[in-house]
C-alpha cells in the first residue's frame, strides 16, 4: 500500500463553499504548495487570487463553471468559462446540464459541453455529472456524451448534491470512457483509504477539501467536500 503522501499529485484541493473567504483560499493555496497537490479548485470569483498565489508552482488554479446546479444556458456557461480563463484558470470543472440529461435531450447536453470545451481549449475541461442524482443508465450516457464532446475528464459530484463519489460509480465511469479519458472522484472523500479505493476503481484525480488530512493522516475539517 502506497504512503498517503503519494496521493498528493492526484488531488484537486477544493474551496467551493459560497461563503469561502480570501483567507481560506490563501491558506488552501499555501497548503497546495507545501504538499504538492495537482490543483486548487475554487469558484470563479476566487480564481484570480488562486492563480496569483500559485504562480511559479506546479499546482494549477481551477475554476468551476455553472456550479453547482448546471442550469445556465450554454452562452452563459461559455461566458463564465472565458472570464475564468482570463482571470487565470488553467482547468475548468463544469456542471452538466442535468435537466437536459434527465429529459433525454442528449443533443443539448453534447452541444453544451462542446461549447465550453471549445472556449477553454487547450485547457482541460472536467464534466461534473452529479452521479447521486442520476440512474445508472444516465451516468453511463452522461459519461459517453462528455467523452464525445472532447472533455478531458468526467467527474462524479459537485459535493453539494444528493450524494458523493462511490466506488461503483467510479468503476462505471471508467468502464464507459475507457483508458483515454480522465475520471475524477469527488464528494465525501475524507481519508487516504477513501482516496485509494477511488483510485483502485479507476479514478486518476481526486477532488477533496480534506486534502491535507488525506496526505498527513490528520483530522479533516467538518463537513468536508
Protein backbone atom coordinates (compact mmCIF):
# COMPACT_ATOMS: atom_id res chain seq x y z
CA UNK A 1 0.00 0.00 0.00
CA UNK A 2 1.50 3.38 -1.00
CA UNK A 3 2.20 6.10 1.51
CA UNK A 4 -0.64 8.66 1.89
CA UNK A 5 1.70 11.38 0.66
CA UNK A 6 1.88 9.64 -2.74
CA UNK A 7 -1.71 10.70 -3.25
CA UNK A 8 -0.87 14.42 -3.25
CA UNK A 9 -0.17 14.80 -7.01
CA UNK A 10 -3.61 13.33 -7.75
CA UNK A 11 -5.60 15.71 -5.54
CA UNK A 12 -7.54 18.82 -6.56
CA UNK A 13 -7.74 20.70 -3.25
CA UNK A 14 -11.17 22.36 -3.13
CA UNK A 15 -12.52 25.57 -1.62
CA UNK A 16 -16.02 25.71 -3.05
CA UNK A 17 -18.32 26.86 -0.25
CA UNK A 18 -20.07 30.03 -1.42
CA UNK A 19 -19.07 31.80 1.82
CA UNK A 20 -15.36 30.90 1.50
CA UNK A 21 -13.14 33.88 2.31
CA UNK A 22 -9.99 35.15 0.63
CA UNK A 23 -8.06 34.00 3.70
CA UNK A 24 -9.36 30.46 3.21
CA UNK A 25 -8.35 30.48 -0.46
CA UNK A 26 -4.93 31.83 0.52
CA UNK A 27 -4.47 29.03 3.06
CA UNK A 28 -5.59 26.41 0.54
CA UNK A 29 -3.03 27.64 -1.96
CA UNK A 30 -0.28 27.60 0.68
CA UNK A 31 -1.24 24.04 1.65
CA UNK A 32 -1.24 23.02 -2.01
CA UNK A 33 2.28 24.36 -2.48
CA UNK A 34 3.52 22.59 0.66
CA UNK A 35 2.02 19.20 -0.19
CA UNK A 36 2.28 19.30 -3.98
CA UNK A 37 -1.40 18.98 -4.83
CA UNK A 38 -2.37 18.83 -8.50
CA UNK A 39 -4.64 21.85 -8.30
CA UNK A 40 -6.71 24.20 -6.18
CA UNK A 41 -10.35 24.28 -7.29
CA UNK A 42 -12.34 27.42 -6.47
CA UNK A 43 -15.36 29.41 -7.59
CA UNK A 44 -14.75 31.86 -10.45
CA UNK A 45 -14.66 34.88 -8.15
CA UNK A 46 -11.63 33.40 -6.39
CA UNK A 47 -9.67 32.01 -9.33
CA UNK A 48 -7.72 35.21 -9.94
CA UNK A 49 -6.44 35.14 -6.37
CA UNK A 50 -5.59 31.45 -6.62
CA UNK A 51 -3.75 31.98 -9.90
CA UNK A 52 -1.60 34.73 -8.38
CA UNK A 53 -0.80 32.67 -5.28
CA UNK A 54 0.06 29.55 -7.28
CA UNK A 55 2.20 31.29 -9.91
CA UNK A 56 5.53 29.54 -10.32
CA UNK A 57 4.33 26.30 -8.74
CA UNK A 58 3.20 23.03 -10.31
CA UNK A 59 -0.25 23.38 -8.75
CA UNK A 60 -2.91 24.54 -11.19
CA UNK A 61 -5.72 27.01 -10.42
CA UNK A 62 -9.09 25.54 -11.42
CA UNK A 63 -12.45 27.30 -11.67
CA UNK A 64 -15.87 25.68 -11.60
CA UNK A 65 -18.46 26.66 -14.22
CA UNK A 66 -22.22 26.92 -13.64
CA UNK A 67 -21.68 25.48 -10.20
CA UNK A 68 -23.34 23.69 -8.52
CA UNK A 69 -26.65 23.44 -10.41
CA UNK A 70 -25.73 23.28 -14.11
CA UNK A 71 -28.87 25.14 -15.18
CA UNK A 72 -27.45 28.14 -17.06
CA UNK A 73 -27.83 28.50 -20.83
CA UNK A 74 -24.85 27.42 -22.90
CA UNK A 75 -23.93 31.02 -23.77
CA UNK A 76 -23.75 31.91 -20.08
CA UNK A 77 -21.53 28.90 -19.37
CA UNK A 78 -19.21 29.89 -22.20
CA UNK A 79 -19.03 33.46 -20.94
CA UNK A 80 -18.25 32.28 -17.40
CA UNK A 81 -15.60 29.92 -18.75
CA UNK A 82 -13.91 32.66 -20.75
CA UNK A 83 -13.91 35.06 -17.81
CA UNK A 84 -12.42 32.39 -15.54
CA UNK A 85 -9.67 31.69 -18.06
CA UNK A 86 -8.95 35.40 -18.42
CA UNK A 87 -8.57 35.53 -14.63
CA UNK A 88 -6.04 32.70 -14.69
CA UNK A 89 -7.90 29.37 -14.59
CA UNK A 90 -5.83 26.56 -16.10
CA UNK A 91 -8.59 23.94 -15.95
CA UNK A 92 -12.38 24.14 -15.72
CA UNK A 93 -14.85 21.86 -13.91
CA UNK A 94 -18.29 22.41 -15.48
CA UNK A 95 -21.60 21.01 -14.31
CA UNK A 96 -23.52 19.03 -16.90
CA UNK A 97 -26.98 20.25 -17.91
CA UNK A 98 -28.82 17.89 -15.57
CA UNK A 99 -32.29 18.91 -16.72
CA UNK A 100 -31.42 18.10 -20.33
CA UNK A 101 -29.83 14.81 -19.34
CA UNK A 102 -32.93 13.81 -17.37
CA UNK A 103 -35.12 14.86 -20.31
CA UNK A 104 -33.03 12.76 -22.73
CA UNK A 105 -32.16 15.87 -24.73
CA UNK A 106 -28.76 14.44 -25.47
CA UNK A 107 -28.00 16.79 -28.36
CA UNK A 108 -28.29 19.74 -25.98
CA UNK A 109 -26.06 18.06 -23.40
CA UNK A 110 -23.47 17.36 -26.09
CA UNK A 111 -23.55 20.89 -27.57
CA UNK A 112 -23.36 22.43 -24.10
CA UNK A 113 -20.19 20.55 -23.24
CA UNK A 114 -18.66 21.05 -26.69
CA UNK A 115 -19.12 24.82 -26.41
CA UNK A 116 -17.26 25.03 -23.10
CA UNK A 117 -14.53 22.65 -24.30
CA UNK A 118 -14.01 24.86 -27.36
CA UNK A 119 -13.94 28.05 -25.25
CA UNK A 120 -11.41 26.52 -22.88
CA UNK A 121 -9.10 24.99 -25.48
CA UNK A 122 -6.31 23.94 -24.88
CA UNK A 123 -7.17 23.80 -21.18
CA UNK A 124 -8.74 20.66 -19.76
CA UNK A 125 -12.46 20.58 -19.02
CA UNK A 126 -13.94 18.18 -16.47
CA UNK A 127 -17.66 17.45 -16.71
CA UNK A 128 -19.44 17.03 -13.35
CA UNK A 129 -22.31 14.57 -13.72
CA UNK A 130 -23.74 14.76 -10.17
CA UNK A 131 -23.99 10.97 -10.10
CA UNK A 132 -26.12 10.95 -6.93
CA UNK A 133 -28.94 12.49 -8.96
CA UNK A 134 -28.72 10.04 -11.88
CA UNK A 135 -29.69 6.46 -12.67
CA UNK A 136 -27.01 4.03 -13.78
CA UNK A 137 -28.12 4.48 -17.38
CA UNK A 138 -27.97 8.28 -17.08
CA UNK A 139 -24.49 8.12 -15.58
CA UNK A 140 -23.26 5.99 -18.46
CA UNK A 141 -24.90 8.21 -21.09
CA UNK A 142 -23.57 11.38 -19.44
CA UNK A 143 -20.04 9.98 -19.39
CA UNK A 144 -20.28 8.92 -23.03
CA UNK A 145 -21.52 12.37 -24.04
CA UNK A 146 -18.71 14.09 -22.13
CA UNK A 147 -16.22 11.86 -23.90
CA UNK A 148 -17.76 12.52 -27.31
CA UNK A 149 -17.73 16.27 -26.65
CA UNK A 150 -13.97 16.27 -26.12
CA UNK A 151 -13.85 16.81 -22.37
CA UNK A 152 -10.67 15.68 -20.62
CA UNK A 153 -12.36 14.21 -17.55
CA UNK A 154 -15.70 13.06 -16.29
CA UNK A 155 -16.29 13.86 -12.63
CA UNK A 156 -18.69 12.29 -10.15
CA UNK A 157 -20.12 15.07 -8.00
CA UNK A 158 -20.24 18.72 -7.01
CA UNK A 159 -20.16 17.83 -3.32
CA UNK A 160 -23.36 19.87 -2.93
CA UNK A 161 -25.80 17.38 -4.43
CA UNK A 162 -27.63 14.30 -3.16
CA UNK A 163 -24.54 12.11 -2.92
CA UNK A 164 -20.79 12.00 -3.33
CA UNK A 165 -18.37 9.66 -5.06
CA UNK A 166 -18.81 5.90 -4.76
CA UNK A 167 -16.51 3.10 -5.84
CA UNK A 168 -19.29 1.69 -8.01
CA UNK A 169 -19.82 4.97 -9.85
CA UNK A 170 -16.12 5.49 -10.45
CA UNK A 171 -15.80 1.96 -11.84
CA UNK A 172 -18.80 2.55 -14.12
CA UNK A 173 -17.42 5.83 -15.45
CA UNK A 174 -14.03 4.24 -16.12
CA UNK A 175 -15.70 1.36 -17.92
CA UNK A 176 -17.66 3.76 -20.13
CA UNK A 177 -14.86 6.16 -21.06
CA UNK A 178 -12.01 3.67 -21.27
CA UNK A 179 -8.37 4.47 -20.71
CA UNK A 180 -8.22 7.58 -22.87
CA UNK A 181 -10.19 9.94 -20.61
CA UNK A 182 -9.73 11.04 -17.02
CA UNK A 183 -12.09 10.16 -14.18
CA UNK A 184 -12.27 12.48 -11.18
CA UNK A 185 -13.83 11.22 -7.96
CA UNK A 186 -15.19 13.97 -5.72
CA UNK A 187 -17.65 14.38 -2.89
CA UNK A 188 -17.22 12.85 0.56
CA UNK A 189 -13.59 11.72 0.18
CA UNK A 190 -12.04 12.38 3.58
CA UNK A 191 -9.24 9.84 4.18
CA UNK A 192 -6.33 8.23 2.37
CA UNK A 193 -8.29 4.99 2.45
CA UNK A 194 -11.24 6.66 0.71
CA UNK A 195 -8.93 8.11 -1.95
CA UNK A 196 -7.14 4.82 -2.57
CA UNK A 197 -10.43 2.98 -3.09
CA UNK A 198 -11.43 5.52 -5.73
CA UNK A 199 -8.07 5.20 -7.50
CA UNK A 200 -8.28 1.41 -7.44
CA UNK A 201 -11.76 1.70 -9.02
CA UNK A 202 -10.38 3.81 -11.88
CA UNK A 203 -10.09 7.44 -10.76
CA UNK A 204 -6.95 9.31 -11.70
CA UNK A 205 -7.88 12.56 -9.95
CA UNK A 206 -9.44 13.17 -6.53
CA UNK A 207 -11.42 16.26 -5.53
CA UNK A 208 -11.45 16.96 -1.79
CA UNK A 209 -11.41 19.70 0.81
CA UNK A 210 -9.91 17.27 3.35
CA UNK A 211 -6.77 17.07 1.21
CA UNK A 212 -4.30 17.85 3.99
CA UNK A 213 -5.86 15.20 6.23
CA UNK A 214 -5.72 12.70 3.36
CA UNK A 215 -1.97 13.10 2.85
CA UNK A 216 -0.99 13.52 6.50
CA UNK A 217 -3.43 11.21 8.27
CA UNK A 218 -4.70 14.08 10.41
CA UNK A 219 -8.32 15.04 11.10
CA UNK A 220 -10.23 16.69 8.27
CA UNK A 221 -12.43 19.79 8.57
CA UNK A 222 -16.08 19.28 9.48
CA UNK A 223 -18.48 18.93 6.57
CA UNK A 224 -15.72 18.33 4.08
CA UNK A 225 -16.46 18.34 0.37
